[in-house]
Amino acid sequence: MEPGAELRKGSIIESNSFILSALVQEWGGEPVRVKPVPDDIGKIKEAILEGCERGDLVVVNAGSSAGSADFTAEAVADLGEVLQHGINIKPGKPVILGWVNNTPVLGIPGILFQPL
């Protein structure tokens, strides 16, 4: 859920993209944040392609895991090439490194804040 939305029990607030955007800005880049995309491979592919057109690097946040609803690696493979899916460190095990339309694509696990 987006920050500022009505909190409900069990809701998860998406905060990683704001933190990553602030870091990119601090390092001299110009981040472009988009709202979360549903777990739908077609919509994920559209978002990745749009990101490739708009930027120098695409980061898919909170969509990189070994779970049954993670379509990030499949979407990157369908659109380009997955160079690496998973590394042997925690919490980064499910990271994805890929290449789509001459643009690097990074899939990272999400660590989200869940209110009590």
PDB file of N, CA and C in Angstrom:
ATOM      1  N   MET A   1       0.832  -1.181   0.000  1.00  0.00           N
ATOM      2  CA  MET A   1       0.000   0.000   0.000  1.00  0.00           C
ATOM      3  C   MET A   1       0.875   1.242   0.000  1.00  0.00           C
ATOM      4  N   GLU A   2       0.369   2.275  -0.570  1.00  0.00           N
ATOM      5  CA  GLU A   2       1.093   3.532  -0.644  1.00  0.00           C
ATOM      6  C   GLU A   2       1.086   4.248   0.707  1.00  0.00           C
ATOM      7  N   PRO A   3       2.176   4.936   1.056  1.00  0.00           N
ATOM      8  CA  PRO A   3       2.168   5.745   2.269  1.00  0.00           C
ATOM      9  C   PRO A   3       1.037   6.763   2.210  1.00  0.00           C
ATOM     10  N   GLY A   4       0.373   6.957   3.326  1.00  0.00           N
ATOM     11  CA  GLY A   4      -0.736   7.895   3.401  1.00  0.00           C
ATOM     12  C   GLY A   4      -2.089   7.255   3.178  1.00  0.00           C
ATOM     13  N   ALA A   5      -2.114   6.025   2.669  1.00  0.00           N
ATOM     14  CA  ALA A   5      -3.389   5.321   2.488  1.00  0.00           C
ATOM     15  C   ALA A   5      -3.912   4.890   3.854  1.00  0.00           C
ATOM     16  N   GLU A   6      -5.197   4.635   3.913  1.00  0.00           N
ATOM     17  CA  GLU A   6      -5.816   4.214   5.173  1.00  0.00           C
ATOM     18  C   GLU A   6      -5.213   2.881   5.621  1.00  0.00           C
ATOM     19  N   LEU A   7      -4.731   2.862   6.861  1.00  0.00           N
ATOM     20  CA  LEU A   7      -4.122   1.650   7.397  1.00  0.00           C
ATOM     21  C   LEU A   7      -5.188   0.649   7.810  1.00  0.00           C
ATOM     22  N   ARG A   8      -4.962  -0.583   7.420  1.00  0.00           N
ATOM     23  CA  ARG A   8      -5.817  -1.688   7.841  1.00  0.00           C
ATOM     24  C   ARG A   8      -4.929  -2.771   8.418  1.00  0.00           C
ATOM     25  N   LYS A   9      -5.447  -3.548   9.316  1.00  0.00           N
ATOM     26  CA  LYS A   9      -4.681  -4.619   9.926  1.00  0.00           C
ATOM     27  C   LYS A   9      -4.138  -5.539   8.827  1.00  0.00           C
ATOM     28  N   GLY A  10      -2.839  -5.825   8.910  1.00  0.00           N
ATOM     29  CA  GLY A  10      -2.199  -6.675   7.918  1.00  0.00           C
ATOM     30  C   GLY A  10      -1.688  -5.941   6.696  1.00  0.00           C
ATOM     31  N   SER A  11      -1.945  -4.650   6.597  1.00  0.00           N
ATOM     32  CA  SER A  11      -1.467  -3.872   5.450  1.00  0.00           C
ATOM     33  C   SER A  11       0.042  -3.710   5.515  1.00  0.00           C
ATOM     34  N   ILE A  12       0.657  -3.630   4.362  1.00  0.00           N
ATOM     35  CA  ILE A  12       2.095  -3.412   4.288  1.00  0.00           C
ATOM     36  C   ILE A  12       2.333  -2.105   3.550  1.00  0.00           C
ATOM     37  N   ILE A  13       3.082  -1.210   4.170  1.00  0.00           N
ATOM     38  CA  ILE A  13       3.390   0.082   3.576  1.00  0.00           C
ATOM     39  C   ILE A  13       4.641  -0.062   2.719  1.00  0.00           C
ATOM     40  N   GLU A  14       4.550   0.314   1.457  1.00  0.00           N
ATOM     41  CA  GLU A  14       5.689   0.261   0.548  1.00  0.00           C
ATOM     42  C   GLU A  14       6.553   1.490   0.805  1.00  0.00           C
ATOM     43  N   SER A  15       7.748   1.263   1.314  1.00  0.00           N
ATOM     44  CA  SER A  15       8.638   2.384   1.625  1.00  0.00           C
ATOM     45  C   SER A  15       9.974   2.298   0.907  1.00  0.00           C
ATOM     46  N   ASN A  16      10.337   1.121   0.414  1.00  0.00           N
ATOM     47  CA  ASN A  16      11.648   0.946  -0.208  1.00  0.00           C
ATOM     48  C   ASN A  16      11.884   1.888  -1.376  1.00  0.00           C
ATOM     49  N   SER A  17      10.874   2.089  -2.219  1.00  0.00           N
ATOM     50  CA  SER A  17      11.095   2.922  -3.403  1.00  0.00           C
ATOM     51  C   SER A  17      11.416   4.365  -3.024  1.00  0.00           C
ATOM     52  N   PHE A  18      10.871   4.834  -1.911  1.00  0.00           N
ATOM     53  CA  PHE A  18      11.163   6.197  -1.462  1.00  0.00           C
ATOM     54  C   PHE A  18      12.599   6.287  -0.952  1.00  0.00           C
ATOM     55  N   ILE A  19      13.031   5.263  -0.233  1.00  0.00           N
ATOM     56  CA  ILE A  19      14.408   5.233   0.276  1.00  0.00           C
ATOM     57  C   ILE A  19      15.392   5.126  -0.884  1.00  0.00           C
ATOM     58  N   LEU A  20      15.126   4.211  -1.821  1.00  0.00           N
ATOM     59  CA  LEU A  20      16.010   4.059  -2.978  1.00  0.00           C
ATOM     60  C   LEU A  20      16.053   5.334  -3.814  1.00  0.00           C
ATOM     61  N   SER A  21      14.902   5.974  -3.994  1.00  0.00           N
ATOM     62  CA  SER A  21      14.853   7.227  -4.757  1.00  0.00           C
ATOM     63  C   SER A  21      15.702   8.299  -4.092  1.00  0.00           C
ATOM     64  N   ALA A  22      15.627   8.400  -2.768  1.00  0.00           N
ATOM     65  CA  ALA A  22      16.423   9.396  -2.040  1.00  0.00           C
ATOM     66  C   ALA A  22      17.913   9.117  -2.190  1.00  0.00           C
ATOM     67  N   LEU A  23      18.300   7.836  -2.164  1.00  0.00           N
ATOM     68  CA  LEU A  23      19.709   7.487  -2.349  1.00  0.00           C
ATOM     69  C   LEU A  23      20.187   7.846  -3.754  1.00  0.00           C
ATOM     70  N   VAL A  24      19.382   7.528  -4.759  1.00  0.00           N
ATOM     71  CA  VAL A  24      19.747   7.868  -6.140  1.00  0.00           C
ATOM     72  C   VAL A  24      19.928   9.371  -6.276  1.00  0.00           C
ATOM     73  N   GLN A  25      19.025  10.130  -5.686  1.00  0.00           N
ATOM     74  CA  GLN A  25      19.098  11.589  -5.744  1.00  0.00           C
ATOM     75  C   GLN A  25      20.352  12.092  -5.023  1.00  0.00           C
ATOM     76  N   GLU A  26      20.637  11.520  -3.866  1.00  0.00           N
ATOM     77  CA  GLU A  26      21.828  11.899  -3.108  1.00  0.00           C
ATOM     78  C   GLU A  26      23.105  11.645  -3.907  1.00  0.00           C
ATOM     79  N   TRP A  27      23.098  10.581  -4.720  1.00  0.00           N
ATOM     80  CA  TRP A  27      24.264  10.219  -5.528  1.00  0.00           C
ATOM     81  C   TRP A  27      24.302  10.953  -6.866  1.00  0.00           C
ATOM     82  N   GLY A  28      23.360  11.892  -7.079  1.00  0.00           N
ATOM     83  CA  GLY A  28      23.389  12.719  -8.278  1.00  0.00           C
ATOM     84  C   GLY A  28      22.499  12.242  -9.408  1.00  0.00           C
ATOM     85  N   GLY A  29      21.727  11.199  -9.184  1.00  0.00           N
ATOM     86  CA  GLY A  29      20.832  10.691 -10.221  1.00  0.00           C
ATOM     87  C   GLY A  29      19.460  11.332 -10.140  1.00  0.00           C
ATOM     88  N   GLU A  30      18.634  11.004 -11.102  1.00  0.00           N
ATOM     89  CA  GLU A  30      17.257  11.495 -11.140  1.00  0.00           C
ATOM     90  C   GLU A  30      16.319  10.294 -11.112  1.00  0.00           C
ATOM     91  N   PRO A  31      15.854   9.925  -9.925  1.00  0.00           N
ATOM     92  CA  PRO A  31      14.982   8.745  -9.819  1.00  0.00           C
ATOM     93  C   PRO A  31      13.593   9.002 -10.401  1.00  0.00           C
ATOM     94  N   VAL A  32      13.014   7.959 -10.955  1.00  0.00           N
ATOM     95  CA  VAL A  32      11.629   8.003 -11.427  1.00  0.00           C
ATOM     96  C   VAL A  32      10.914   6.866 -10.712  1.00  0.00           C
ATOM     97  N   ARG A  33      10.055   7.192  -9.783  1.00  0.00           N
ATOM     98  CA  ARG A  33       9.333   6.201  -9.008  1.00  0.00           C
ATOM     99  C   ARG A  33       7.958   5.974  -9.625  1.00  0.00           C
ATOM    100  N   VAL A  34       7.573   4.726  -9.733  1.00  0.00           N
ATOM    101  CA  VAL A  34       6.225   4.412 -10.194  1.00  0.00           C
ATOM    102  C   VAL A  34       5.493   3.666  -9.086  1.00  0.00           C
ATOM    103  N   LYS A  35       4.184   3.751  -9.116  1.00  0.00           N
ATOM    104  CA  LYS A  35       3.379   3.062  -8.110  1.00  0.00           C
ATOM    105  C   LYS A  35       3.527   1.553  -8.270  1.00  0.00           C
ATOM    106  N   PRO A  36       3.291   0.815  -7.188  1.00  0.00           N
ATOM    107  CA  PRO A  36       3.393  -0.649  -7.262  1.00  0.00           C
ATOM    108  C   PRO A  36       2.518  -1.238  -8.371  1.00  0.00           C
ATOM    109  N   VAL A  37       3.031  -2.298  -8.987  1.00  0.00           N
ATOM    110  CA  VAL A  37       2.351  -3.007 -10.070  1.00  0.00           C
ATOM    111  C   VAL A  37       1.810  -4.312  -9.506  1.00  0.00           C
ATOM    112  N   PRO A  38       0.593  -4.702  -9.867  1.00  0.00           N
ATOM    113  CA  PRO A  38       0.050  -5.970  -9.362  1.00  0.00           C
ATOM    114  C   PRO A  38       0.873  -7.170  -9.822  1.00  0.00           C
ATOM    115  N   ASP A  39       0.721  -8.290  -9.123  1.00  0.00           N
ATOM    116  CA  ASP A  39       1.407  -9.535  -9.484  1.00  0.00           C
ATOM    117  C   ASP A  39       0.771 -10.129 -10.734  1.00  0.00           C
ATOM    118  N   ASP A  40       0.999  -9.467 -11.845  1.00  0.00           N
ATOM    119  CA  ASP A  40       0.472  -9.880 -13.146  1.00  0.00           C
ATOM    120  C   ASP A  40       1.624  -9.755 -14.125  1.00  0.00           C
ATOM    121  N   ILE A  41       2.041 -10.865 -14.731  1.00  0.00           N
ATOM    122  CA  ILE A  41       3.241 -10.838 -15.571  1.00  0.00           C
ATOM    123  C   ILE A  41       3.139  -9.836 -16.714  1.00  0.00           C
ATOM    124  N   GLY A  42       1.962  -9.681 -17.292  1.00  0.00           N
ATOM    125  CA  GLY A  42       1.795  -8.705 -18.371  1.00  0.00           C
ATOM    126  C   GLY A  42       2.039  -7.289 -17.888  1.00  0.00           C
ATOM    127  N   LYS A  43       1.494  -6.941 -16.737  1.00  0.00           N
ATOM    128  CA  LYS A  43       1.684  -5.593 -16.194  1.00  0.00           C
ATOM    129  C   LYS A  43       3.133  -5.371 -15.761  1.00  0.00           C
ATOM    130  N   ILE A  44       3.765  -6.414 -15.243  1.00  0.00           N
ATOM    131  CA  ILE A  44       5.171  -6.307 -14.854  1.00  0.00           C
ATOM    132  C   ILE A  44       6.037  -6.082 -16.087  1.00  0.00           C
ATOM    133  N   LYS A  45       5.768  -6.807 -17.157  1.00  0.00           N
ATOM    134  CA  LYS A  45       6.516  -6.617 -18.406  1.00  0.00           C
ATOM    135  C   LYS A  45       6.338  -5.197 -18.934  1.00  0.00           C
ATOM    136  N   GLU A  46       5.099  -4.700 -18.922  1.00  0.00           N
ATOM    137  CA  GLU A  46       4.837  -3.333 -19.382  1.00  0.00           C
ATOM    138  C   GLU A  46       5.647  -2.330 -18.565  1.00  0.00           C
ATOM    139  N   ALA A  47       5.657  -2.517 -17.240  1.00  0.00           N
ATOM    140  CA  ALA A  47       6.381  -1.588 -16.361  1.00  0.00           C
ATOM    141  C   ALA A  47       7.887  -1.646 -16.626  1.00  0.00           C
ATOM    142  N   ILE A  48       8.425  -2.844 -16.831  1.00  0.00           N
ATOM    143  CA  ILE A  48       9.855  -2.978 -17.119  1.00  0.00           C
ATOM    144  C   ILE A  48      10.192  -2.301 -18.443  1.00  0.00           C
ATOM    145  N   LEU A  49       9.397  -2.550 -19.467  1.00  0.00           N
ATOM    146  CA  LEU A  49       9.649  -1.923 -20.774  1.00  0.00           C
ATOM    147  C   LEU A  49       9.563  -0.405 -20.694  1.00  0.00           C
ATOM    148  N   GLU A  50       8.571   0.094 -19.971  1.00  0.00           N
ATOM    149  CA  GLU A  50       8.447   1.549 -19.797  1.00  0.00           C
ATOM    150  C   GLU A  50       9.668   2.101 -19.072  1.00  0.00           C
ATOM    151  N   GLY A  51      10.116   1.372 -18.043  1.00  0.00           N
ATOM    152  CA  GLY A  51      11.302   1.800 -17.311  1.00  0.00           C
ATOM    153  C   GLY A  51      12.538   1.836 -18.193  1.00  0.00           C
ATOM    154  N   CYS A  52      12.660   0.847 -19.061  1.00  0.00           N
ATOM    155  CA  CYS A  52      13.806   0.799 -19.982  1.00  0.00           C
ATOM    156  C   CYS A  52      13.803   1.983 -20.944  1.00  0.00           C
ATOM    157  N   GLU A  53      12.625   2.442 -21.327  1.00  0.00           N
ATOM    158  CA  GLU A  53      12.526   3.603 -22.217  1.00  0.00           C
ATOM    159  C   GLU A  53      12.849   4.894 -21.492  1.00  0.00           C
ATOM    160  N   ARG A  54      12.531   4.957 -20.197  1.00  0.00           N
ATOM    161  CA  ARG A  54      12.652   6.198 -19.444  1.00  0.00           C
ATOM    162  C   ARG A  54      13.978   6.383 -18.724  1.00  0.00           C
ATOM    163  N   GLY A  55      14.685   5.272 -18.424  1.00  0.00           N
ATOM    164  CA  GLY A  55      15.858   5.418 -17.569  1.00  0.00           C
ATOM    165  C   GLY A  55      17.058   4.611 -18.000  1.00  0.00           C
ATOM    166  N   ASP A  56      18.108   4.771 -17.230  1.00  0.00           N
ATOM    167  CA  ASP A  56      19.369   4.075 -17.474  1.00  0.00           C
ATOM    168  C   ASP A  56      19.445   2.752 -16.718  1.00  0.00           C
ATOM    169  N   LEU A  57      18.595   2.557 -15.735  1.00  0.00           N
ATOM    170  CA  LEU A  57      18.571   1.361 -14.907  1.00  0.00           C
ATOM    171  C   LEU A  57      17.154   1.175 -14.391  1.00  0.00           C
ATOM    172  N   VAL A  58      16.670  -0.063 -14.402  1.00  0.00           N
ATOM    173  CA  VAL A  58      15.344  -0.363 -13.859  1.00  0.00           C
ATOM    174  C   VAL A  58      15.541  -1.216 -12.621  1.00  0.00           C
ATOM    175  N   VAL A  59      14.902  -0.820 -11.519  1.00  0.00           N
ATOM    176  CA  VAL A  59      14.930  -1.595 -10.285  1.00  0.00           C
ATOM    177  C   VAL A  59      13.511  -2.063  -9.998  1.00  0.00           C
ATOM    178  N   VAL A  60      13.328  -3.378  -9.945  1.00  0.00           N
ATOM    179  CA  VAL A  60      12.041  -3.958  -9.561  1.00  0.00           C
ATOM    180  C   VAL A  60      12.167  -4.292  -8.082  1.00  0.00           C
ATOM    181  N   ASN A  61      11.413  -3.580  -7.268  1.00  0.00           N
ATOM    182  CA  ASN A  61      11.492  -3.688  -5.820  1.00  0.00           C
ATOM    183  C   ASN A  61      10.403  -4.609  -5.282  1.00  0.00           C
ATOM    184  N   ALA A  62      10.770  -5.498  -4.397  1.00  0.00           N
ATOM    185  CA  ALA A  62       9.830  -6.392  -3.705  1.00  0.00           C
ATOM    186  C   ALA A  62       9.140  -7.347  -4.658  1.00  0.00           C
ATOM    187  N   GLY A  63       9.805  -7.697  -5.724  1.00  0.00           N
ATOM    188  CA  GLY A  63       9.221  -8.658  -6.649  1.00  0.00           C
ATOM    189  C   GLY A  63      10.181  -9.774  -6.971  1.00  0.00           C
ATOM    190  N   SER A  64      11.255  -9.848  -6.228  1.00  0.00           N
ATOM    191  CA  SER A  64      12.298 -10.823  -6.543  1.00  0.00           C
ATOM    192  C   SER A  64      12.395 -11.856  -5.436  1.00  0.00           C
ATOM    193  N   SER A  65      11.730 -12.969  -5.622  1.00  0.00           N
ATOM    194  CA  SER A  65      11.816 -14.023  -4.620  1.00  0.00           C
ATOM    195  C   SER A  65      11.614 -15.361  -5.281  1.00  0.00           C
ATOM    196  N   ALA A  66      11.669 -16.385  -4.495  1.00  0.00           N
ATOM    197  CA  ALA A  66      11.462 -17.731  -5.022  1.00  0.00           C
ATOM    198  C   ALA A  66      10.009 -18.157  -4.874  1.00  0.00           C
ATOM    199  N   GLY A  67       9.154 -17.259  -4.420  1.00  0.00           N
ATOM    200  CA  GLY A  67       7.751 -17.591  -4.191  1.00  0.00           C
ATOM    201  C   GLY A  67       6.985 -17.838  -5.469  1.00  0.00           C
ATOM    202  N   SER A  68       5.813 -18.451  -5.326  1.00  0.00           N
ATOM    203  CA  SER A  68       5.018 -18.818  -6.500  1.00  0.00           C
ATOM    204  C   SER A  68       4.420 -17.615  -7.211  1.00  0.00           C
ATOM    205  N   ALA A  69       4.322 -16.469  -6.543  1.00  0.00           N
ATOM    206  CA  ALA A  69       3.713 -15.299  -7.167  1.00  0.00           C
ATOM    207  C   ALA A  69       4.751 -14.314  -7.703  1.00  0.00           C
ATOM    208  N   ASP A  70       6.018 -14.704  -7.756  1.00  0.00           N
ATOM    209  CA  ASP A  70       7.056 -13.807  -8.263  1.00  0.00           C
ATOM    210  C   ASP A  70       7.254 -14.045  -9.746  1.00  0.00           C
ATOM    211  N   PHE A  71       6.929 -13.027 -10.533  1.00  0.00           N
ATOM    212  CA  PHE A  71       7.036 -13.132 -11.979  1.00  0.00           C
ATOM    213  C   PHE A  71       8.203 -12.318 -12.534  1.00  0.00           C
ATOM    214  N   THR A  72       9.001 -11.708 -11.668  1.00  0.00           N
ATOM    215  CA  THR A  72      10.044 -10.801 -12.131  1.00  0.00           C
ATOM    216  C   THR A  72      11.072 -11.502 -13.020  1.00  0.00           C
ATOM    217  N   ALA A  73      11.616 -12.615 -12.557  1.00  0.00           N
ATOM    218  CA  ALA A  73      12.636 -13.318 -13.346  1.00  0.00           C
ATOM    219  C   ALA A  73      12.063 -13.781 -14.680  1.00  0.00           C
ATOM    220  N   GLU A  74      10.841 -14.289 -14.655  1.00  0.00           N
ATOM    221  CA  GLU A  74      10.196 -14.737 -15.893  1.00  0.00           C
ATOM    222  C   GLU A  74       9.989 -13.568 -16.854  1.00  0.00           C
ATOM    223  N   ALA A  75       9.545 -12.418 -16.305  1.00  0.00           N
ATOM    224  CA  ALA A  75       9.311 -11.244 -17.145  1.00  0.00           C
ATOM    225  C   ALA A  75      10.615 -10.763 -17.776  1.00  0.00           C
ATOM    226  N   VAL A  76      11.684 -10.703 -16.986  1.00  0.00           N
ATOM    227  CA  VAL A  76      12.973 -10.264 -17.516  1.00  0.00           C
ATOM    228  C   VAL A  76      13.467 -11.250 -18.574  1.00  0.00           C
ATOM    229  N   ALA A  77      13.324 -12.547 -18.305  1.00  0.00           N
ATOM    230  CA  ALA A  77      13.757 -13.561 -19.275  1.00  0.00           C
ATOM    231  C   ALA A  77      12.966 -13.465 -20.576  1.00  0.00           C
ATOM    232  N   ASP A  78      11.671 -13.219 -20.482  1.00  0.00           N
ATOM    233  CA  ASP A  78      10.840 -13.084 -21.678  1.00  0.00           C
ATOM    234  C   ASP A  78      11.218 -11.853 -22.508  1.00  0.00           C
ATOM    235  N   LEU A  79      11.622 -10.777 -21.813  1.00  0.00           N
ATOM    236  CA  LEU A  79      11.924  -9.512 -22.497  1.00  0.00           C
ATOM    237  C   LEU A  79      13.388  -9.377 -22.904  1.00  0.00           C
ATOM    238  N   GLY A  80      14.248 -10.111 -22.245  1.00  0.00           N
ATOM    239  CA  GLY A  80      15.681  -9.968 -22.497  1.00  0.00           C
ATOM    240  C   GLY A  80      16.444 -11.160 -21.973  1.00  0.00           C
ATOM    241  N   GLU A  81      17.324 -10.916 -21.026  1.00  0.00           N
ATOM    242  CA  GLU A  81      18.180 -11.980 -20.506  1.00  0.00           C
ATOM    243  C   GLU A  81      18.345 -11.845 -18.997  1.00  0.00           C
ATOM    244  N   VAL A  82      18.190 -12.958 -18.279  1.00  0.00           N
ATOM    245  CA  VAL A  82      18.504 -13.008 -16.855  1.00  0.00           C
ATOM    246  C   VAL A  82      19.948 -13.455 -16.746  1.00  0.00           C
ATOM    247  N   LEU A  83      20.794 -12.589 -16.209  1.00  0.00           N
ATOM    248  CA  LEU A  83      22.205 -12.911 -16.051  1.00  0.00           C
ATOM    249  C   LEU A  83      22.447 -13.691 -14.765  1.00  0.00           C
ATOM    250  N   GLN A  84      21.692 -13.365 -13.728  1.00  0.00           N
ATOM    251  CA  GLN A  84      21.832 -14.034 -12.436  1.00  0.00           C
ATOM    252  C   GLN A  84      20.508 -13.956 -11.696  1.00  0.00           C
ATOM    253  N   HIS A  85      20.073 -15.062 -11.137  1.00  0.00           N
ATOM    254  CA  HIS A  85      18.875 -15.085 -10.290  1.00  0.00           C
ATOM    255  C   HIS A  85      19.257 -15.786  -9.008  1.00  0.00           C
ATOM    256  N   GLY A  86      19.533 -14.999  -7.992  1.00  0.00           N
ATOM    257  CA  GLY A  86      19.914 -15.514  -6.692  1.00  0.00           C
ATOM    258  C   GLY A  86      21.402 -15.416  -6.455  1.00  0.00           C
ATOM    259  N   ILE A  87      21.750 -14.957  -5.250  1.00  0.00           N
ATOM    260  CA  ILE A  87      23.136 -14.940  -4.810  1.00  0.00           C
ATOM    261  C   ILE A  87      23.185 -15.528  -3.418  1.00  0.00           C
ATOM    262  N   ASN A  88      24.310 -16.016  -3.003  1.00  0.00           N
ATOM    263  CA  ASN A  88      24.405 -16.764  -1.761  1.00  0.00           C
ATOM    264  C   ASN A  88      24.722 -15.879  -0.561  1.00  0.00           C
ATOM    265  N   ILE A  89      23.898 -14.851  -0.354  1.00  0.00           N
ATOM    266  CA  ILE A  89      23.966 -14.044   0.857  1.00  0.00           C
ATOM    267  C   ILE A  89      22.546 -13.747   1.299  1.00  0.00           C
ATOM    268  N   LYS A  90      22.361 -13.464   2.567  1.00  0.00           N
ATOM    269  CA  LYS A  90      21.042 -13.095   3.075  1.00  0.00           C
ATOM    270  C   LYS A  90      21.103 -11.657   3.514  1.00  0.00           C
ATOM    271  N   PRO A  91      20.088 -10.843   3.284  1.00  0.00           N
ATOM    272  CA  PRO A  91      18.785 -11.178   2.715  1.00  0.00           C
ATOM    273  C   PRO A  91      18.730 -11.075   1.201  1.00  0.00           C
ATOM    274  N   GLY A  92      19.836 -11.044   0.521  1.00  0.00           N
ATOM    275  CA  GLY A  92      19.841 -10.806  -0.922  1.00  0.00           C
ATOM    276  C   GLY A  92      19.687 -12.014  -1.799  1.00  0.00           C
ATOM    277  N   LYS A  93      19.452 -13.187  -1.231  1.00  0.00           N
ATOM    278  CA  LYS A  93      19.396 -14.412  -2.040  1.00  0.00           C
ATOM    279  C   LYS A  93      18.562 -14.292  -3.309  1.00  0.00           C
ATOM    280  N   PRO A  94      17.375 -13.709  -3.269  1.00  0.00           N
ATOM    281  CA  PRO A  94      16.560 -13.723  -4.483  1.00  0.00           C
ATOM    282  C   PRO A  94      16.829 -12.600  -5.484  1.00  0.00           C
ATOM    283  N   VAL A  95      17.949 -11.938  -5.404  1.00  0.00           N
ATOM    284  CA  VAL A  95      18.230 -10.833  -6.320  1.00  0.00           C
ATOM    285  C   VAL A  95      18.269 -11.318  -7.774  1.00  0.00           C
ATOM    286  N   ILE A  96      17.870 -10.443  -8.679  1.00  0.00           N
ATOM    287  CA  ILE A  96      17.897 -10.739 -10.113  1.00  0.00           C
ATOM    288  C   ILE A  96      18.735  -9.676 -10.808  1.00  0.00           C
ATOM    289  N   LEU A  97      19.640 -10.114 -11.665  1.00  0.00           N
ATOM    290  CA  LEU A  97      20.391  -9.206 -12.520  1.00  0.00           C
ATOM    291  C   LEU A  97      20.044  -9.571 -13.948  1.00  0.00           C
ATOM    292  N   GLY A  98      19.572  -8.603 -14.708  1.00  0.00           N
ATOM    293  CA  GLY A  98      19.160  -8.889 -16.072  1.00  0.00           C
ATOM    294  C   GLY A  98      19.455  -7.742 -17.014  1.00  0.00           C
ATOM    295  N   TRP A  99      19.079  -7.966 -18.257  1.00  0.00           N
ATOM    296  CA  TRP A  99      19.358  -7.015 -19.328  1.00  0.00           C
ATOM    297  C   TRP A  99      18.155  -7.020 -20.262  1.00  0.00           C
ATOM    298  N   VAL A 100      17.529  -5.860 -20.452  1.00  0.00           N
ATOM    299  CA  VAL A 100      16.378  -5.736 -21.346  1.00  0.00           C
ATOM    300  C   VAL A 100      16.576  -4.483 -22.200  1.00  0.00           C
ATOM    301  N   ASN A 101      16.542  -4.647 -23.507  1.00  0.00           N
ATOM    302  CA  ASN A 101      16.666  -3.511 -24.432  1.00  0.00           C
ATOM    303  C   ASN A 101      17.863  -2.616 -24.098  1.00  0.00           C
ATOM    304  N   ASN A 102      19.017  -3.229 -23.910  1.00  0.00           N
ATOM    305  CA  ASN A 102      20.252  -2.505 -23.587  1.00  0.00           C
ATOM    306  C   ASN A 102      20.194  -1.739 -22.275  1.00  0.00           C
ATOM    307  N   THR A 103      19.308  -2.152 -21.373  1.00  0.00           N
ATOM    308  CA  THR A 103      19.168  -1.510 -20.068  1.00  0.00           C
ATOM    309  C   THR A 103      19.321  -2.561 -18.979  1.00  0.00           C
ATOM    310  N   PRO A 104      20.177  -2.298 -17.986  1.00  0.00           N
ATOM    311  CA  PRO A 104      20.273  -3.239 -16.874  1.00  0.00           C
ATOM    312  C   PRO A 104      18.994  -3.214 -16.034  1.00  0.00           C
ATOM    313  N   VAL A 105      18.564  -4.402 -15.617  1.00  0.00           N
ATOM    314  CA  VAL A 105      17.373  -4.539 -14.777  1.00  0.00           C
ATOM    315  C   VAL A 105      17.793  -5.288 -13.517  1.00  0.00           C
ATOM    316  N   LEU A 106      17.483  -4.704 -12.381  1.00  0.00           N
ATOM    317  CA  LEU A 106      17.824  -5.272 -11.089  1.00  0.00           C
ATOM    318  C   LEU A 106      16.534  -5.585 -10.336  1.00  0.00           C
ATOM    319  N   GLY A 107      16.381  -6.815  -9.905  1.00  0.00           N
ATOM    320  CA  GLY A 107      15.243  -7.201  -9.073  1.00  0.00           C
ATOM    321  C   GLY A 107      15.742  -7.422  -7.662  1.00  0.00           C
ATOM    322  N   ILE A 108      15.124  -6.734  -6.703  1.00  0.00           N
ATOM    323  CA  ILE A 108      15.571  -6.851  -5.313  1.00  0.00           C
ATOM    324  C   ILE A 108      14.419  -7.293  -4.421  1.00  0.00           C
ATOM    325  N   PRO A 109      14.745  -8.009  -3.344  1.00  0.00           N
ATOM    326  CA  PRO A 109      13.702  -8.396  -2.404  1.00  0.00           C
ATOM    327  C   PRO A 109      13.211  -7.168  -1.650  1.00  0.00           C
ATOM    328  N   GLY A 110      11.972  -7.195  -1.249  1.00  0.00           N
ATOM    329  CA  GLY A 110      11.412  -6.064  -0.524  1.00  0.00           C
ATOM    330  C   GLY A 110      11.421  -6.307   0.966  1.00  0.00           C
ATOM    331  N   ILE A 111      11.873  -5.294   1.680  1.00  0.00           N
ATOM    332  CA  ILE A 111      11.770  -5.306   3.126  1.00  0.00           C
ATOM    333  C   ILE A 111      10.812  -4.175   3.445  1.00  0.00           C
ATOM    334  N   LEU A 112       9.603  -4.531   3.759  1.00  0.00           N
ATOM    335  CA  LEU A 112       8.550  -3.538   3.920  1.00  0.00           C
ATOM    336  C   LEU A 112       8.170  -3.382   5.385  1.00  0.00           C
ATOM    337  N   PHE A 113       7.666  -2.217   5.727  1.00  0.00           N
ATOM    338  CA  PHE A 113       7.208  -1.931   7.075  1.00  0.00           C
ATOM    339  C   PHE A 113       5.754  -2.382   7.193  1.00  0.00           C
ATOM    340  N   GLN A 114       5.468  -3.207   8.179  1.00  0.00           N
ATOM    341  CA  GLN A 114       4.090  -3.660   8.399  1.00  0.00           C
ATOM    342  C   GLN A 114       3.622  -3.132   9.740  1.00  0.00           C
ATOM    343  N   PRO A 115       2.595  -2.249   9.753  1.00  0.00           N
ATOM    344  CA  PRO A 115       2.105  -1.710  11.021  1.00  0.00           C
ATOM    345  C   PRO A 115       1.423  -2.795  11.845  1.00  0.00           C
ATOM    346  N   LEU A 116       1.445  -2.617  13.140  1.00  0.00           N
ATOM    347  CA  LEU A 116       0.807  -3.586  14.041  1.00  0.00           C
ATOM    348  C   LEU A 116      -0.693  -3.443  14.059  1.00  0.00           C
TER     349      LEU A 116
END
